[in-house]
Amino acid sequence: MKRTTCRKTISGFLAFFLVSLGLMLKAGAQNTPWPKAEALFDSFTEKTGGQAAYHKIQNRRTISTMQLSVPPIAGEVTTYSTKSGPYHVSADLRAMGKAEYGSDGRTVWEINPVLGPQIKEGAERSRFLCLYGLDIPARWRLVFKKVECTGLETVEGKPAFKVVAVSLDDYPLTYYFDQASGLIVKIEYPQETLAGQGSQEVLLGDYRLADGILFPHFQKRLEQGREMTLIFKSIEHNVTLPENMFALPEAIIKIAGLGK
C-alpha cells in the first residue's frame, strides 16, 4: 500500500515537473527577443551594396522573361522605375497581345488586352506603387511610418524573420528576411480581388551584382492560384528615359476625364 502511494506521489511530482517545464519553455519561446525591424532593413541595405551605392541610383530599366501558369503564356517584360515615383511596365504577352502598367506619380493605371484601361484607386493604387517602387527597402525611413518584426516563419524551407511595414498612406506590406543571409526572400502585398480581400506573394532569389547592387534576378509572383515567374536578363541604372515615358496614355486620360 505504501509502495503504491509512493509511486503515485512520484508520478504526481513528475507530471507537475513536466507541465511546469513545458509552460516555462513556451513562455520563453513567446518572449524571444526578435531583432529590431529597423536593424533588419539597415543590414539588408548594407549587405546588398550600402547607402552610398543606392543613393547614386535615380532610375532602373530591367528586361525579363516571363512565364504565366494560367493561362500558360510566355513573354517579355520591360520595366522603367524611378526614385521620384513614376514607373512604366510593358509586357509583351505574344499571343494575347500587350499589357501596360504605369504611373505619372499621381495616377496609377493599367491597360491589358482582357479588361482594357483601368485606373487604380485605394489599396490597389498603393500596391502598384509599392510593387514598382525603386529600392523601397533601402529607403524605408522615407516610405514607412512603422516597421515591426513579429516573429520567425519558414520561407521555402528556411527560417526568415517576418516584418510588417506600414506605408505613409497606411498600406501594410510584409517582408521576410532570411535568417542566415539577411536578404529579403519574400514580400506580401494585400490585394483587392473580385472575390474579396486577398494577397499577392512575391518570392525573391538569385541575388547577383548589378552596378554594385545585389539584385534578385529571380522573382515568382503568386496570386489567386496563379504563378508568374520573372527571370531578369538585363538590369541598367541611370538610363536616358524615352521622351514622355510616364505620360498618361490617351485611353487613361479619357476614362479619367482629364482632357488633353
C-alpha atoms as a PDB file:
ATOM      1  CA  MET A   1       0.000   0.000   0.000  1.00  0.00           C
ATOM      2  CA  LYS A   2       2.808   2.346   0.916  1.00  0.00           C
ATOM      3  CA  ARG A   3       4.651   1.468  -2.298  1.00  0.00           C
ATOM      4  CA  THR A   4       1.553   2.321  -4.333  1.00  0.00           C
ATOM      5  CA  THR A   5       1.142   5.625  -2.519  1.00  0.00           C
ATOM      6  CA  CYS A   6       4.825   6.421  -3.035  1.00  0.00           C
ATOM      7  CA  ARG A   7       4.606   5.620  -6.725  1.00  0.00           C
ATOM      8  CA  LYS A   8       1.567   7.862  -7.108  1.00  0.00           C
ATOM      9  CA  THR A   9       3.369  10.678  -5.286  1.00  0.00           C
ATOM     10  CA  ILE A  10       6.423  10.352  -7.546  1.00  0.00           C
ATOM     11  CA  SER A  11       4.226  10.191 -10.636  1.00  0.00           C
ATOM     12  CA  GLY A  12       2.386  13.275  -9.482  1.00  0.00           C
ATOM     13  CA  PHE A  13       5.574  15.233  -8.900  1.00  0.00           C
ATOM     14  CA  LEU A  14       6.948  14.080 -12.295  1.00  0.00           C
ATOM     15  CA  ALA A  15       3.789  15.157 -14.086  1.00  0.00           C
ATOM     16  CA  PHE A  16       3.857  18.530 -12.301  1.00  0.00           C
ATOM     17  CA  PHE A  17       7.526  18.994 -13.209  1.00  0.00           C
ATOM     18  CA  LEU A  18       6.947  18.194 -16.877  1.00  0.00           C
ATOM     19  CA  VAL A  19       3.944  20.506 -17.125  1.00  0.00           C
ATOM     20  CA  SER A  20       5.857  23.312 -15.403  1.00  0.00           C
ATOM     21  CA  LEU A  21       8.844  22.792 -17.689  1.00  0.00           C
ATOM     22  CA  GLY A  22       6.590  22.903 -20.731  1.00  0.00           C
ATOM     23  CA  LEU A  23       4.990  26.146 -19.581  1.00  0.00           C
ATOM     24  CA  MET A  24       8.394  27.713 -18.943  1.00  0.00           C
ATOM     25  CA  LEU A  25       9.691  26.671 -22.369  1.00  0.00           C
ATOM     26  CA  LYS A  26       6.544  28.020 -24.029  1.00  0.00           C
ATOM     27  CA  ALA A  27       6.816  31.310 -22.172  1.00  0.00           C
ATOM     28  CA  GLY A  28      10.485  31.545 -23.110  1.00  0.00           C
ATOM     29  CA  ALA A  29       9.662  30.972 -26.773  1.00  0.00           C
ATOM     30  CA  GLN A  30       6.956  33.618 -26.710  1.00  0.00           C
ATOM     31  CA  ASN A  31       9.359  36.134 -25.180  1.00  0.00           C
ATOM     32  CA  THR A  32      12.151  35.507 -27.689  1.00  0.00           C
ATOM     33  CA  PRO A  33      13.762  38.891 -28.410  1.00  0.00           C
ATOM     34  CA  TRP A  34      13.389  39.128 -32.190  1.00  0.00           C
ATOM     35  CA  PRO A  35      15.791  41.525 -33.944  1.00  0.00           C
ATOM     36  CA  LYS A  36      14.533  45.036 -34.497  1.00  0.00           C
ATOM     37  CA  ALA A  37      12.869  45.628 -37.852  1.00  0.00           C
ATOM     38  CA  GLU A  38      14.960  48.757 -38.291  1.00  0.00           C
ATOM     39  CA  ALA A  39      18.151  46.708 -37.903  1.00  0.00           C
ATOM     40  CA  LEU A  40      16.964  44.134 -40.455  1.00  0.00           C
ATOM     41  CA  PHE A  41      16.289  46.815 -43.086  1.00  0.00           C
ATOM     42  CA  ASP A  42      19.606  48.578 -42.414  1.00  0.00           C
ATOM     43  CA  SER A  43      21.548  45.296 -42.504  1.00  0.00           C
ATOM     44  CA  PHE A  44      19.862  44.341 -45.793  1.00  0.00           C
ATOM     45  CA  THR A  45      20.841  47.704 -47.292  1.00  0.00           C
ATOM     46  CA  GLU A  46      24.479  47.285 -46.288  1.00  0.00           C
ATOM     47  CA  LYS A  47      24.691  43.667 -47.427  1.00  0.00           C
ATOM     48  CA  THR A  48      23.276  44.496 -50.850  1.00  0.00           C
ATOM     49  CA  GLY A  49      25.540  47.452 -51.604  1.00  0.00           C
ATOM     50  CA  GLY A  50      25.265  50.185 -48.984  1.00  0.00           C
ATOM     51  CA  GLN A  51      23.511  53.529 -48.861  1.00  0.00           C
ATOM     52  CA  ALA A  52      26.139  55.264 -50.984  1.00  0.00           C
ATOM     53  CA  ALA A  53      25.545  52.856 -53.875  1.00  0.00           C
ATOM     54  CA  TYR A  54      21.752  53.136 -53.583  1.00  0.00           C
ATOM     55  CA  HIS A  55      21.969  56.920 -53.384  1.00  0.00           C
ATOM     56  CA  LYS A  56      23.513  57.044 -56.883  1.00  0.00           C
ATOM     57  CA  ILE A  57      20.571  55.223 -58.455  1.00  0.00           C
ATOM     58  CA  GLN A  58      17.872  57.503 -59.852  1.00  0.00           C
ATOM     59  CA  ASN A  59      16.186  55.058 -62.200  1.00  0.00           C
ATOM     60  CA  ARG A  60      16.357  51.440 -63.342  1.00  0.00           C
ATOM     61  CA  ARG A  61      15.451  49.645 -66.560  1.00  0.00           C
ATOM     62  CA  THR A  62      15.020  45.882 -66.448  1.00  0.00           C
ATOM     63  CA  ILE A  63      14.197  43.336 -69.132  1.00  0.00           C
ATOM     64  CA  SER A  64      12.969  39.943 -68.019  1.00  0.00           C
ATOM     65  CA  THR A  65      11.477  36.806 -69.486  1.00  0.00           C
ATOM     66  CA  MET A  66       8.050  35.970 -68.104  1.00  0.00           C
ATOM     67  CA  GLN A  67       6.143  32.724 -67.735  1.00  0.00           C
ATOM     68  CA  LEU A  68       2.483  32.630 -66.650  1.00  0.00           C
ATOM     69  CA  SER A  69       0.924  29.459 -65.276  1.00  0.00           C
ATOM     70  CA  VAL A  70      -2.730  30.353 -66.037  1.00  0.00           C
ATOM     71  CA  PRO A  71      -3.096  30.817 -68.909  1.00  0.00           C
ATOM     72  CA  PRO A  72       0.239  29.180 -69.858  1.00  0.00           C
ATOM     73  CA  ILE A  73       1.823  32.108 -71.687  1.00  0.00           C
ATOM     74  CA  ALA A  74       5.433  33.219 -72.101  1.00  0.00           C
ATOM     75  CA  GLY A  75       6.528  36.762 -72.811  1.00  0.00           C
ATOM     76  CA  GLU A  76       8.993  39.559 -72.146  1.00  0.00           C
ATOM     77  CA  VAL A  77       8.649  42.424 -69.669  1.00  0.00           C
ATOM     78  CA  THR A  78      10.411  45.794 -69.779  1.00  0.00           C
ATOM     79  CA  THR A  79      10.187  47.939 -66.651  1.00  0.00           C
ATOM     80  CA  TYR A  80      11.266  51.519 -66.008  1.00  0.00           C
ATOM     81  CA  SER A  81      11.183  52.565 -62.349  1.00  0.00           C
ATOM     82  CA  THR A  82      12.307  55.833 -60.778  1.00  0.00           C
ATOM     83  CA  LYS A  83      13.233  57.115 -57.358  1.00  0.00           C
ATOM     84  CA  SER A  84      10.831  60.028 -57.821  1.00  0.00           C
ATOM     85  CA  GLY A  85       7.868  57.658 -58.217  1.00  0.00           C
ATOM     86  CA  PRO A  86       6.739  57.364 -61.868  1.00  0.00           C
ATOM     87  CA  TYR A  87       7.113  53.958 -63.491  1.00  0.00           C
ATOM     88  CA  HIS A  88       6.184  52.166 -66.700  1.00  0.00           C
ATOM     89  CA  VAL A  89       5.859  48.448 -67.399  1.00  0.00           C
ATOM     90  CA  SER A  90       5.347  46.933 -70.842  1.00  0.00           C
ATOM     91  CA  ALA A  91       4.570  43.209 -71.067  1.00  0.00           C
ATOM     92  CA  ASP A  92       4.643  41.546 -74.480  1.00  0.00           C
ATOM     93  CA  LEU A  93       2.296  38.580 -73.985  1.00  0.00           C
ATOM     94  CA  ARG A  94       2.824  37.399 -77.562  1.00  0.00           C
ATOM     95  CA  ALA A  95      -0.365  35.502 -78.428  1.00  0.00           C
ATOM     96  CA  MET A  96      -2.534  37.664 -76.142  1.00  0.00           C
ATOM     97  CA  GLY A  97      -1.071  40.994 -77.101  1.00  0.00           C
ATOM     98  CA  LYS A  98       0.464  43.744 -74.988  1.00  0.00           C
ATOM     99  CA  ALA A  99      -0.242  44.782 -71.410  1.00  0.00           C
ATOM    100  CA  GLU A 100       0.946  48.067 -69.891  1.00  0.00           C
ATOM    101  CA  TYR A 101       1.117  49.394 -66.342  1.00  0.00           C
ATOM    102  CA  GLY A 102       2.262  52.813 -65.233  1.00  0.00           C
ATOM    103  CA  SER A 103       2.051  55.965 -63.210  1.00  0.00           C
ATOM    104  CA  ASP A 104       2.976  59.585 -63.728  1.00  0.00           C
ATOM    105  CA  GLY A 105       3.476  59.866 -59.974  1.00  0.00           C
ATOM    106  CA  ARG A 106      -0.189  60.606 -59.298  1.00  0.00           C
ATOM    107  CA  THR A 107      -2.484  58.486 -61.455  1.00  0.00           C
ATOM    108  CA  VAL A 108      -1.834  54.741 -61.340  1.00  0.00           C
ATOM    109  CA  TRP A 109      -3.168  52.837 -64.337  1.00  0.00           C
ATOM    110  CA  GLU A 110      -3.278  49.558 -66.230  1.00  0.00           C
ATOM    111  CA  ILE A 111      -4.197  48.596 -69.797  1.00  0.00           C
ATOM    112  CA  ASN A 112      -4.479  44.916 -70.606  1.00  0.00           C
ATOM    113  CA  PRO A 113      -5.937  43.012 -73.575  1.00  0.00           C
ATOM    114  CA  VAL A 114      -8.670  41.396 -71.451  1.00  0.00           C
ATOM    115  CA  LEU A 115     -10.037  44.172 -69.212  1.00  0.00           C
ATOM    116  CA  GLY A 116      -8.900  47.222 -71.150  1.00  0.00           C
ATOM    117  CA  PRO A 117      -7.894  50.520 -69.489  1.00  0.00           C
ATOM    118  CA  GLN A 118      -8.263  50.853 -65.708  1.00  0.00           C
ATOM    119  CA  ILE A 119      -7.320  53.400 -63.066  1.00  0.00           C
ATOM    120  CA  LYS A 120      -6.161  52.004 -59.738  1.00  0.00           C
ATOM    121  CA  GLU A 121      -7.554  53.550 -56.569  1.00  0.00           C
ATOM    122  CA  GLY A 122      -7.237  52.961 -52.822  1.00  0.00           C
ATOM    123  CA  ALA A 123      -5.282  49.914 -51.692  1.00  0.00           C
ATOM    124  CA  GLU A 124      -4.702  48.757 -55.277  1.00  0.00           C
ATOM    125  CA  ARG A 125      -3.073  52.080 -56.085  1.00  0.00           C
ATOM    126  CA  SER A 126      -0.787  51.653 -53.075  1.00  0.00           C
ATOM    127  CA  ARG A 127       0.030  48.064 -54.055  1.00  0.00           C
ATOM    128  CA  PHE A 128       1.184  49.025 -57.543  1.00  0.00           C
ATOM    129  CA  LEU A 129       3.247  51.951 -56.248  1.00  0.00           C
ATOM    130  CA  CYS A 130       4.988  49.653 -53.763  1.00  0.00           C
ATOM    131  CA  LEU A 131       5.366  46.785 -56.246  1.00  0.00           C
ATOM    132  CA  TYR A 132       7.151  49.025 -58.760  1.00  0.00           C
ATOM    133  CA  GLY A 133       8.769  51.429 -56.302  1.00  0.00           C
ATOM    134  CA  LEU A 134      12.521  51.783 -56.688  1.00  0.00           C
ATOM    135  CA  ASP A 135      14.568  50.141 -53.907  1.00  0.00           C
ATOM    136  CA  ILE A 136      11.975  50.725 -51.198  1.00  0.00           C
ATOM    137  CA  PRO A 137      13.765  48.587 -48.534  1.00  0.00           C
ATOM    138  CA  ALA A 138      16.836  50.829 -48.833  1.00  0.00           C
ATOM    139  CA  ARG A 139      14.622  53.929 -48.466  1.00  0.00           C
ATOM    140  CA  TRP A 140      12.382  52.516 -45.763  1.00  0.00           C
ATOM    141  CA  ARG A 141      12.687  55.529 -43.467  1.00  0.00           C
ATOM    142  CA  LEU A 142      11.155  57.747 -46.155  1.00  0.00           C
ATOM    143  CA  VAL A 143       8.470  55.258 -47.191  1.00  0.00           C
ATOM    144  CA  PHE A 144       7.192  53.667 -43.969  1.00  0.00           C
ATOM    145  CA  LYS A 145       5.846  55.229 -40.799  1.00  0.00           C
ATOM    146  CA  LYS A 146       6.025  51.984 -38.805  1.00  0.00           C
ATOM    147  CA  VAL A 147       8.050  48.768 -39.059  1.00  0.00           C
ATOM    148  CA  GLU A 148       7.879  45.826 -36.659  1.00  0.00           C
ATOM    149  CA  CYS A 149       9.430  42.361 -36.538  1.00  0.00           C
ATOM    150  CA  THR A 150       6.665  39.973 -35.470  1.00  0.00           C
ATOM    151  CA  GLY A 151       8.416  36.597 -35.418  1.00  0.00           C
ATOM    152  CA  LEU A 152      10.164  33.840 -37.308  1.00  0.00           C
ATOM    153  CA  GLU A 153       8.485  31.898 -40.112  1.00  0.00           C
ATOM    154  CA  THR A 154       9.509  29.484 -42.852  1.00  0.00           C
ATOM    155  CA  VAL A 155      10.014  30.568 -46.461  1.00  0.00           C
ATOM    156  CA  GLU A 156      10.918  27.888 -48.993  1.00  0.00           C
ATOM    157  CA  GLY A 157      12.012  25.595 -46.157  1.00  0.00           C
ATOM    158  CA  LYS A 158      14.264  28.152 -44.442  1.00  0.00           C
ATOM    159  CA  PRO A 159      13.649  30.365 -41.353  1.00  0.00           C
ATOM    160  CA  ALA A 160      13.002  34.030 -42.071  1.00  0.00           C
ATOM    161  CA  PHE A 161      12.163  36.995 -39.868  1.00  0.00           C
ATOM    162  CA  LYS A 162       8.727  38.447 -40.592  1.00  0.00           C
ATOM    163  CA  VAL A 163       8.494  42.254 -40.659  1.00  0.00           C
ATOM    164  CA  VAL A 164       5.278  44.215 -41.069  1.00  0.00           C
ATOM    165  CA  ALA A 165       5.817  47.678 -42.583  1.00  0.00           C
ATOM    166  CA  VAL A 166       3.086  50.320 -42.837  1.00  0.00           C
ATOM    167  CA  SER A 167       3.444  52.967 -45.546  1.00  0.00           C
ATOM    168  CA  LEU A 168       2.694  56.662 -45.128  1.00  0.00           C
ATOM    169  CA  ASP A 169      -0.731  56.078 -46.691  1.00  0.00           C
ATOM    170  CA  ASP A 170      -1.483  53.185 -44.278  1.00  0.00           C
ATOM    171  CA  TYR A 171      -0.793  50.352 -46.722  1.00  0.00           C
ATOM    172  CA  PRO A 172       0.732  47.324 -44.894  1.00  0.00           C
ATOM    173  CA  LEU A 173       3.427  45.207 -46.539  1.00  0.00           C
ATOM    174  CA  THR A 174       5.092  42.155 -45.044  1.00  0.00           C
ATOM    175  CA  TYR A 175       8.783  41.456 -45.654  1.00  0.00           C
ATOM    176  CA  TYR A 176      10.586  38.190 -44.906  1.00  0.00           C
ATOM    177  CA  PHE A 177      14.328  38.411 -44.197  1.00  0.00           C
ATOM    178  CA  ASP A 178      16.251  35.143 -44.487  1.00  0.00           C
ATOM    179  CA  GLN A 179      17.697  34.414 -41.048  1.00  0.00           C
ATOM    180  CA  ALA A 180      21.060  33.230 -42.385  1.00  0.00           C
ATOM    181  CA  SER A 181      21.751  35.705 -45.207  1.00  0.00           C
ATOM    182  CA  GLY A 182      19.707  38.722 -44.111  1.00  0.00           C
ATOM    183  CA  LEU A 183      18.351  39.064 -47.662  1.00  0.00           C
ATOM    184  CA  ILE A 184      14.668  39.632 -48.415  1.00  0.00           C
ATOM    185  CA  VAL A 185      13.245  36.369 -49.744  1.00  0.00           C
ATOM    186  CA  LYS A 186       9.522  37.170 -49.820  1.00  0.00           C
ATOM    187  CA  ILE A 187       7.174  40.163 -49.812  1.00  0.00           C
ATOM    188  CA  GLU A 188       3.413  40.036 -49.279  1.00  0.00           C
ATOM    189  CA  TYR A 189       1.075  42.706 -50.627  1.00  0.00           C
ATOM    190  CA  PRO A 190      -2.617  42.940 -49.604  1.00  0.00           C
ATOM    191  CA  GLN A 191      -4.706  42.752 -52.755  1.00  0.00           C
ATOM    192  CA  GLU A 192      -8.304  43.547 -53.648  1.00  0.00           C
ATOM    193  CA  THR A 193      -9.853  40.844 -55.851  1.00  0.00           C
ATOM    194  CA  LEU A 194     -13.278  40.156 -57.320  1.00  0.00           C
ATOM    195  CA  ALA A 195     -13.686  37.528 -54.591  1.00  0.00           C
ATOM    196  CA  GLY A 196     -12.769  39.972 -51.833  1.00  0.00           C
ATOM    197  CA  GLN A 197      -9.605  40.740 -49.892  1.00  0.00           C
ATOM    198  CA  GLY A 198      -6.625  38.618 -50.881  1.00  0.00           C
ATOM    199  CA  SER A 199      -2.867  38.868 -51.090  1.00  0.00           C
ATOM    200  CA  GLN A 200      -0.023  38.721 -53.562  1.00  0.00           C
ATOM    201  CA  GLU A 201       3.163  36.897 -52.588  1.00  0.00           C
ATOM    202  CA  VAL A 202       6.446  37.670 -54.299  1.00  0.00           C
ATOM    203  CA  LEU A 203       9.323  35.233 -53.811  1.00  0.00           C
ATOM    204  CA  LEU A 204      12.818  36.628 -54.468  1.00  0.00           C
ATOM    205  CA  GLY A 205      16.045  34.779 -55.191  1.00  0.00           C
ATOM    206  CA  ASP A 206      19.266  34.516 -57.207  1.00  0.00           C
ATOM    207  CA  TYR A 207      20.767  37.722 -55.823  1.00  0.00           C
ATOM    208  CA  ARG A 208      23.610  38.874 -58.079  1.00  0.00           C
ATOM    209  CA  LEU A 209      25.539  42.121 -58.538  1.00  0.00           C
ATOM    210  CA  ALA A 210      24.230  44.770 -60.922  1.00  0.00           C
ATOM    211  CA  ASP A 211      26.202  48.054 -60.852  1.00  0.00           C
ATOM    212  CA  GLY A 212      27.353  47.425 -57.288  1.00  0.00           C
ATOM    213  CA  ILE A 213      23.913  46.399 -56.001  1.00  0.00           C
ATOM    214  CA  LEU A 214      22.864  42.852 -55.141  1.00  0.00           C
ATOM    215  CA  PHE A 215      19.654  42.463 -57.131  1.00  0.00           C
ATOM    216  CA  PRO A 216      17.283  39.442 -57.122  1.00  0.00           C
ATOM    217  CA  HIS A 217      17.406  38.072 -60.672  1.00  0.00           C
ATOM    218  CA  PHE A 218      14.578  35.633 -59.948  1.00  0.00           C
ATOM    219  CA  GLN A 219      11.054  36.594 -58.965  1.00  0.00           C
ATOM    220  CA  LYS A 220       7.912  34.486 -58.615  1.00  0.00           C
ATOM    221  CA  ARG A 221       4.565  36.167 -58.012  1.00  0.00           C
ATOM    222  CA  LEU A 222       1.720  34.123 -56.559  1.00  0.00           C
ATOM    223  CA  GLU A 223      -1.859  35.371 -56.573  1.00  0.00           C
ATOM    224  CA  GLN A 224      -5.323  33.856 -56.903  1.00  0.00           C
ATOM    225  CA  GLY A 225      -3.954  30.407 -57.672  1.00  0.00           C
ATOM    226  CA  ARG A 226      -1.710  31.674 -60.481  1.00  0.00           C
ATOM    227  CA  GLU A 227       2.045  31.997 -60.818  1.00  0.00           C
ATOM    228  CA  MET A 228       4.119  34.462 -62.780  1.00  0.00           C
ATOM    229  CA  THR A 229       7.848  33.794 -62.948  1.00  0.00           C
ATOM    230  CA  LEU A 230      10.289  36.527 -63.982  1.00  0.00           C
ATOM    231  CA  ILE A 231      13.932  35.861 -64.872  1.00  0.00           C
ATOM    232  CA  PHE A 232      15.861  39.126 -65.221  1.00  0.00           C
ATOM    233  CA  LYS A 233      18.317  39.162 -68.108  1.00  0.00           C
ATOM    234  CA  SER A 234      19.142  42.892 -68.251  1.00  0.00           C
ATOM    235  CA  ILE A 235      19.444  45.448 -65.426  1.00  0.00           C
ATOM    236  CA  GLU A 236      20.607  49.022 -66.114  1.00  0.00           C
ATOM    237  CA  HIS A 237      20.738  52.086 -63.906  1.00  0.00           C
ATOM    238  CA  ASN A 238      20.515  55.813 -64.579  1.00  0.00           C
ATOM    239  CA  VAL A 239      19.482  55.312 -68.185  1.00  0.00           C
ATOM    240  CA  THR A 240      18.251  58.048 -70.513  1.00  0.00           C
ATOM    241  CA  LEU A 241      14.485  57.838 -70.277  1.00  0.00           C
ATOM    242  CA  PRO A 242      12.458  57.845 -73.522  1.00  0.00           C
ATOM    243  CA  GLU A 243      10.545  61.080 -74.084  1.00  0.00           C
ATOM    244  CA  ASN A 244       7.087  61.106 -72.477  1.00  0.00           C
ATOM    245  CA  MET A 245       7.754  57.687 -70.981  1.00  0.00           C
ATOM    246  CA  PHE A 246       5.496  58.396 -67.997  1.00  0.00           C
ATOM    247  CA  ALA A 247       2.819  60.449 -69.743  1.00  0.00           C
ATOM    248  CA  LEU A 248      -0.703  59.094 -69.329  1.00  0.00           C
ATOM    249  CA  PRO A 249      -1.977  57.130 -72.371  1.00  0.00           C
ATOM    250  CA  GLU A 250      -4.942  58.629 -74.207  1.00  0.00           C
ATOM    251  CA  ALA A 251      -7.191  55.749 -73.117  1.00  0.00           C
ATOM    252  CA  ILE A 252      -6.441  56.553 -69.465  1.00  0.00           C
ATOM    253  CA  ILE A 253      -6.901  60.292 -69.976  1.00  0.00           C
ATOM    254  CA  LYS A 254     -10.278  59.559 -71.496  1.00  0.00           C
ATOM    255  CA  ILE A 255     -11.669  57.393 -68.690  1.00  0.00           C
ATOM    256  CA  ALA A 256     -10.190  59.717 -66.070  1.00  0.00           C
ATOM    257  CA  GLY A 257     -11.935  62.689 -67.641  1.00  0.00           C
ATOM    258  CA  LEU A 258      -8.742  64.699 -67.522  1.00  0.00           C
ATOM    259  CA  GLY A 259      -8.916  66.099 -71.046  1.00  0.00           C
ATOM    260  CA  LYS A 260      -5.791  66.755 -73.041  1.00  0.00           C
END
